[in-house]
């Protein structure tokens, strides 16, 4: 299995497609790992060099408790693979990392796609009563140290959405949502410390000068919807897609539809 040796980490990554083709760097959500992109990789790799990795604290990447930069890790992986520029496609936390990377390393980014993401430094957004209730429950379980229960509850809140129950959803999606987050259980004892972008991205995203696609599910939490609107209105060359029947990870819940939208957008912008 391929690993990139970095200071304080062994970064697990996978590639598909042909080196030298337009590169795509896929960055997973904080309630998943690189396996969340499995449904799209084959189609994307037909015309691209597809690169994905487990960020520190997730999946098969092994981390020490050291300071590090998620942006620098992403660029180090591109350097390792001889990729000068890539389109960054990130979901949730992965999309926030992609935004920060586009601002810190603009010459390395050819395009940007975010799914259920917001910029670092975005002001706090008021939650609904139901969202407050669910986040309070997460905090209580985290304090108890029951990590497996916490990972399951995280999947339910984010992947199902605050107003949907498991029985409302396709059983295969429900199982996959749990599986993607429970795969991170071996990493719960690690505490790598990410260095935030300074200054943060909020208020600066108008400097992103590459084609951008912003995606959100209508069943996502309130802050994700607000941040979607902010990115769409603030990034100069941004287009938006809303999925009325998805929450935080539409690429897992409706993989074929997201695959088609990504391929169409990449073709439209010659990426």
Protein backbone atom coordinates (compact mmCIF):
# COMPACT_ATOMS: atom_id res chain seq x y z
CA UNK A 1 0.00 0.00 0.00
CA UNK A 2 1.39 3.42 -0.88
CA UNK A 3 2.36 5.79 1.92
CA UNK A 4 3.99 9.21 1.83
CA UNK A 5 6.41 9.67 4.71
CA UNK A 6 6.04 13.14 6.23
CA UNK A 7 7.14 14.75 9.45
CA UNK A 8 4.99 13.08 12.09
CA UNK A 9 2.87 11.00 9.72
CA UNK A 10 2.62 8.22 7.15
CA UNK A 11 0.04 9.53 4.69
CA UNK A 12 -1.94 6.78 2.98
CA UNK A 13 -2.98 7.56 -0.60
CA UNK A 14 -4.31 5.94 -3.76
CA UNK A 15 -4.18 6.93 -7.42
CA UNK A 16 -6.12 5.95 -10.53
CA UNK A 17 -6.02 6.96 -14.17
CA UNK A 18 -3.05 8.09 -16.21
CA UNK A 19 -0.28 10.31 -14.80
CA UNK A 20 0.03 13.34 -17.04
CA UNK A 21 -3.73 13.61 -17.51
CA UNK A 22 -5.49 16.55 -15.78
CA UNK A 23 -5.16 15.88 -12.08
CA UNK A 24 -7.92 15.69 -9.49
CA UNK A 25 -7.17 15.68 -5.75
CA UNK A 26 -10.09 14.28 -3.74
CA UNK A 27 -10.25 15.23 -0.03
CA UNK A 28 -12.70 13.34 2.16
CA UNK A 29 -15.18 14.56 4.78
CA UNK A 30 -14.52 14.48 8.50
CA UNK A 31 -17.12 11.74 8.90
CA UNK A 32 -15.47 9.50 6.30
CA UNK A 33 -12.15 8.54 4.71
CA UNK A 34 -10.88 8.22 1.13
CA UNK A 35 -13.26 5.28 0.52
CA UNK A 36 -16.13 7.80 0.25
CA UNK A 37 -15.00 8.51 -3.32
CA UNK A 38 -15.10 4.87 -4.45
CA UNK A 39 -18.28 5.30 -6.55
CA UNK A 40 -16.81 8.13 -8.66
CA UNK A 41 -13.17 7.10 -9.10
CA UNK A 42 -13.55 4.80 -12.11
CA UNK A 43 -15.48 7.34 -14.19
CA UNK A 44 -13.25 10.24 -13.16
CA UNK A 45 -10.10 8.23 -13.90
CA UNK A 46 -11.16 7.62 -17.51
CA UNK A 47 -9.88 11.09 -18.39
CA UNK A 48 -7.99 12.22 -15.31
CA UNK A 49 -5.19 11.37 -12.91
CA UNK A 50 -7.21 10.83 -9.74
CA UNK A 51 -5.43 11.20 -6.40
CA UNK A 52 -7.00 10.71 -2.99
CA UNK A 53 -5.64 10.32 0.52
CA UNK A 54 -6.59 9.87 4.16
CA UNK A 55 -5.88 13.09 6.00
CA UNK A 56 -4.16 12.91 9.38
CA UNK A 57 -6.44 11.42 12.00
CA UNK A 58 -8.43 9.35 9.50
CA UNK A 59 -8.49 6.04 7.67
CA UNK A 60 -5.16 4.30 7.15
CA UNK A 61 -2.95 7.35 7.68
CA UNK A 62 -0.79 7.06 10.81
CA UNK A 63 -0.20 10.29 12.74
CA UNK A 64 1.87 11.46 15.66
CA UNK A 65 0.67 14.22 17.97
CA UNK A 66 2.51 17.05 16.20
CA UNK A 67 1.67 20.38 14.63
CA UNK A 68 1.07 20.14 10.89
CA UNK A 69 -0.66 21.84 7.96
CA UNK A 70 -3.41 20.06 6.02
CA UNK A 71 -2.63 22.40 3.12
CA UNK A 72 1.05 21.50 3.13
CA UNK A 73 0.18 17.78 3.29
CA UNK A 74 -1.97 18.11 0.16
CA UNK A 75 0.77 19.94 -1.72
CA UNK A 76 3.43 17.46 -0.53
CA UNK A 77 1.36 14.64 -2.03
CA UNK A 78 1.09 16.48 -5.36
CA UNK A 79 4.85 17.04 -5.26
CA UNK A 80 5.46 13.35 -4.56
CA UNK A 81 3.44 12.43 -7.64
CA UNK A 82 4.96 15.10 -9.88
CA UNK A 83 1.70 17.03 -10.25
CA UNK A 84 2.11 20.78 -10.76
CA UNK A 85 -1.62 21.71 -10.70
CA UNK A 86 -4.78 19.88 -9.73
CA UNK A 87 -8.48 20.49 -9.39
CA UNK A 88 -9.32 20.06 -5.71
CA UNK A 89 -12.58 18.29 -4.86
CA UNK A 90 -13.41 18.28 -1.16
CA UNK A 91 -16.39 17.31 0.96
CA UNK A 92 -17.21 18.99 4.29
CA UNK A 93 -13.91 19.38 6.19
CA UNK A 94 -12.17 18.29 2.98
CA UNK A 95 -13.77 21.17 1.11
CA UNK A 96 -12.59 23.62 3.76
CA UNK A 97 -9.06 22.26 3.37
CA UNK A 98 -9.39 22.67 -0.40
CA UNK A 99 -10.50 26.31 -0.05
CA UNK A 100 -7.60 27.08 2.29
CA UNK A 101 -5.16 25.37 -0.07
CA UNK A 102 -6.46 27.35 -3.04
CA UNK A 103 -5.73 30.56 -1.12
CA UNK A 104 -2.31 29.56 0.23
CA UNK A 105 -1.08 27.84 -2.95
CA UNK A 106 -3.03 29.47 -5.81
CA UNK A 107 -0.59 28.45 -8.54
CA UNK A 108 -1.11 24.76 -7.66
CA UNK A 109 -4.92 24.80 -8.02
CA UNK A 110 -6.64 24.61 -11.42
CA UNK A 111 -10.22 24.29 -10.18
CA UNK A 112 -12.19 23.88 -6.97
CA UNK A 113 -15.22 21.82 -5.95
CA UNK A 114 -16.72 21.94 -2.46
CA UNK A 115 -19.51 19.72 -1.11
CA UNK A 116 -21.22 20.72 2.13
CA UNK A 117 -18.26 22.91 3.02
CA UNK A 118 -17.54 26.34 4.39
CA UNK A 119 -14.48 28.60 4.52
CA UNK A 120 -12.29 28.64 7.60
CA UNK A 121 -13.17 31.52 9.89
CA UNK A 122 -16.82 31.73 8.85
CA UNK A 123 -18.87 33.37 11.64
CA UNK A 124 -20.98 31.09 13.79
CA UNK A 125 -24.46 30.39 12.45
CA UNK A 126 -27.46 29.91 14.72
CA UNK A 127 -28.64 26.30 14.88
CA UNK A 128 -32.22 25.13 14.94
CA UNK A 129 -33.56 23.68 18.19
CA UNK A 130 -33.27 20.18 16.73
CA UNK A 131 -29.66 20.78 15.65
CA UNK A 132 -28.79 22.11 19.12
CA UNK A 133 -30.29 18.97 20.64
CA UNK A 134 -28.29 16.66 18.39
CA UNK A 135 -24.98 18.48 18.88
CA UNK A 136 -25.51 18.45 22.66
CA UNK A 137 -25.99 14.68 22.50
CA UNK A 138 -22.71 14.38 20.56
CA UNK A 139 -20.88 16.42 23.19
CA UNK A 140 -22.21 14.22 25.99
CA UNK A 141 -21.12 11.02 24.26
CA UNK A 142 -17.68 12.48 23.51
CA UNK A 143 -17.24 13.34 27.19
CA UNK A 144 -18.10 9.73 28.08
CA UNK A 145 -15.31 8.44 25.83
CA UNK A 146 -17.58 6.01 23.96
CA UNK A 147 -15.88 6.56 20.60
CA UNK A 148 -17.80 3.94 18.64
CA UNK A 149 -21.14 5.40 19.72
CA UNK A 150 -19.85 8.88 18.90
CA UNK A 151 -18.86 7.88 15.37
CA UNK A 152 -22.28 6.33 14.79
CA UNK A 153 -24.09 9.42 16.07
CA UNK A 154 -21.89 11.66 13.91
CA UNK A 155 -22.89 9.67 10.85
CA UNK A 156 -26.56 9.99 11.78
CA UNK A 157 -26.42 13.75 12.31
CA UNK A 158 -24.34 14.65 9.29
CA UNK A 159 -25.13 11.94 6.73
CA UNK A 160 -28.83 11.49 7.45
CA UNK A 161 -29.42 15.15 8.32
CA UNK A 162 -31.13 16.53 11.44
CA UNK A 163 -34.68 15.93 10.16
CA UNK A 164 -34.35 12.47 8.60
CA UNK A 165 -34.21 9.05 10.26
CA UNK A 166 -32.46 5.89 9.06
CA UNK A 167 -35.78 4.34 8.05
CA UNK A 168 -36.36 7.24 5.64
CA UNK A 169 -33.24 6.33 3.67
CA UNK A 170 -31.92 3.56 1.45
CA UNK A 171 -30.54 0.77 3.69
CA UNK A 172 -27.37 0.51 1.59
CA UNK A 173 -26.66 4.20 2.15
CA UNK A 174 -27.27 3.91 5.89
CA UNK A 175 -24.81 1.02 6.17
CA UNK A 176 -22.21 2.86 4.09
CA UNK A 177 -22.55 6.02 6.19
CA UNK A 178 -21.80 4.08 9.38
CA UNK A 179 -19.00 2.11 7.72
CA UNK A 180 -17.18 5.20 6.44
CA UNK A 181 -17.00 6.83 9.86
CA UNK A 182 -16.43 3.70 11.93
CA UNK A 183 -13.33 3.02 9.83
CA UNK A 184 -11.78 5.96 11.69
CA UNK A 185 -12.15 4.26 15.10
CA UNK A 186 -8.46 3.13 15.18
CA UNK A 187 -7.41 6.77 14.83
CA UNK A 188 -9.35 8.13 17.83
CA UNK A 189 -6.28 7.83 20.06
CA UNK A 190 -4.25 10.12 17.79
CA UNK A 191 -4.19 13.90 18.21
CA UNK A 192 -2.36 15.62 15.33
CA UNK A 193 -2.75 19.39 15.65
CA UNK A 194 -3.66 21.23 12.42
CA UNK A 195 -2.25 24.72 11.95
CA UNK A 196 -5.09 27.02 10.81
CA UNK A 197 -4.77 29.27 7.79
CA UNK A 198 -3.82 32.78 8.94
CA UNK A 199 -5.71 34.90 8.11
CA UNK A 200 -8.60 32.48 7.59
CA UNK A 201 -10.46 32.10 4.30
CA UNK A 202 -13.62 33.97 5.29
CA UNK A 203 -13.56 37.42 3.73
CA UNK A 204 -10.85 36.39 1.23
CA UNK A 205 -12.53 33.84 -1.04
CA UNK A 206 -13.06 36.52 -3.70
CA UNK A 207 -9.33 36.01 -4.41
CA UNK A 208 -10.03 32.47 -5.70
CA UNK A 209 -9.56 32.95 -9.43
CA UNK A 210 -10.29 29.44 -10.73
CA UNK A 211 -13.57 27.82 -11.81
CA UNK A 212 -15.44 26.71 -8.71
CA UNK A 213 -18.42 24.41 -8.15
CA UNK A 214 -20.24 24.67 -4.82
CA UNK A 215 -22.57 21.81 -3.82
CA UNK A 216 -24.88 21.30 -0.86
CA UNK A 217 -27.71 18.98 0.15
CA UNK A 218 -30.95 20.57 1.29
CA UNK A 219 -31.09 18.22 4.30
CA UNK A 220 -27.70 19.42 5.57
CA UNK A 221 -27.40 21.42 8.78
CA UNK A 222 -28.16 25.16 8.77
CA UNK A 223 -24.51 26.36 8.80
CA UNK A 224 -23.73 24.32 5.66
CA UNK A 225 -26.62 25.95 3.79
CA UNK A 226 -25.53 29.44 4.89
CA UNK A 227 -21.91 28.76 3.95
CA UNK A 228 -22.99 27.44 0.54
CA UNK A 229 -24.75 30.73 -0.17
CA UNK A 230 -21.72 32.69 1.00
CA UNK A 231 -19.29 30.79 -1.24
CA UNK A 232 -21.62 30.96 -4.23
CA UNK A 233 -22.04 34.72 -3.92
CA UNK A 234 -18.41 35.52 -3.02
CA UNK A 235 -16.19 33.42 -5.32
CA UNK A 236 -16.08 35.19 -8.71
CA UNK A 237 -16.34 32.15 -11.02
CA UNK A 238 -18.62 29.96 -8.90
CA UNK A 239 -21.58 27.82 -9.92
CA UNK A 240 -23.87 26.05 -7.46
CA UNK A 241 -25.85 22.82 -7.25
CA UNK A 242 -28.34 21.92 -4.52
CA UNK A 243 -29.52 18.34 -4.03
CA UNK A 244 -33.07 18.37 -2.61
CA UNK A 245 -32.87 14.75 -1.41
CA UNK A 246 -29.42 14.65 0.23
CA UNK A 247 -27.68 15.83 3.38
CA UNK A 248 -23.94 16.21 3.98
CA UNK A 249 -22.46 13.61 1.62
CA UNK A 250 -24.50 13.56 -1.60
CA UNK A 251 -21.62 11.87 -3.44
CA UNK A 252 -22.29 8.78 -1.29
CA UNK A 253 -26.08 9.06 -1.12
CA UNK A 254 -26.56 9.77 -4.84
CA UNK A 255 -23.24 8.72 -6.42
CA UNK A 256 -24.36 8.51 -10.06
CA UNK A 257 -25.89 11.98 -10.03
CA UNK A 258 -22.83 13.57 -8.43
CA UNK A 259 -20.56 11.69 -10.84
CA UNK A 260 -22.49 13.12 -13.81
CA UNK A 261 -22.43 16.65 -12.40
CA UNK A 262 -18.68 16.50 -11.73
CA UNK A 263 -17.85 15.16 -15.19
CA UNK A 264 -20.09 17.73 -16.88
CA UNK A 265 -18.55 20.61 -14.91
CA UNK A 266 -14.98 19.41 -15.52
CA UNK A 267 -15.66 19.13 -19.24
CA UNK A 268 -17.30 22.55 -19.34
CA UNK A 269 -14.15 24.15 -17.88
CA UNK A 270 -11.60 21.95 -19.69
CA UNK A 271 -10.27 20.66 -16.40
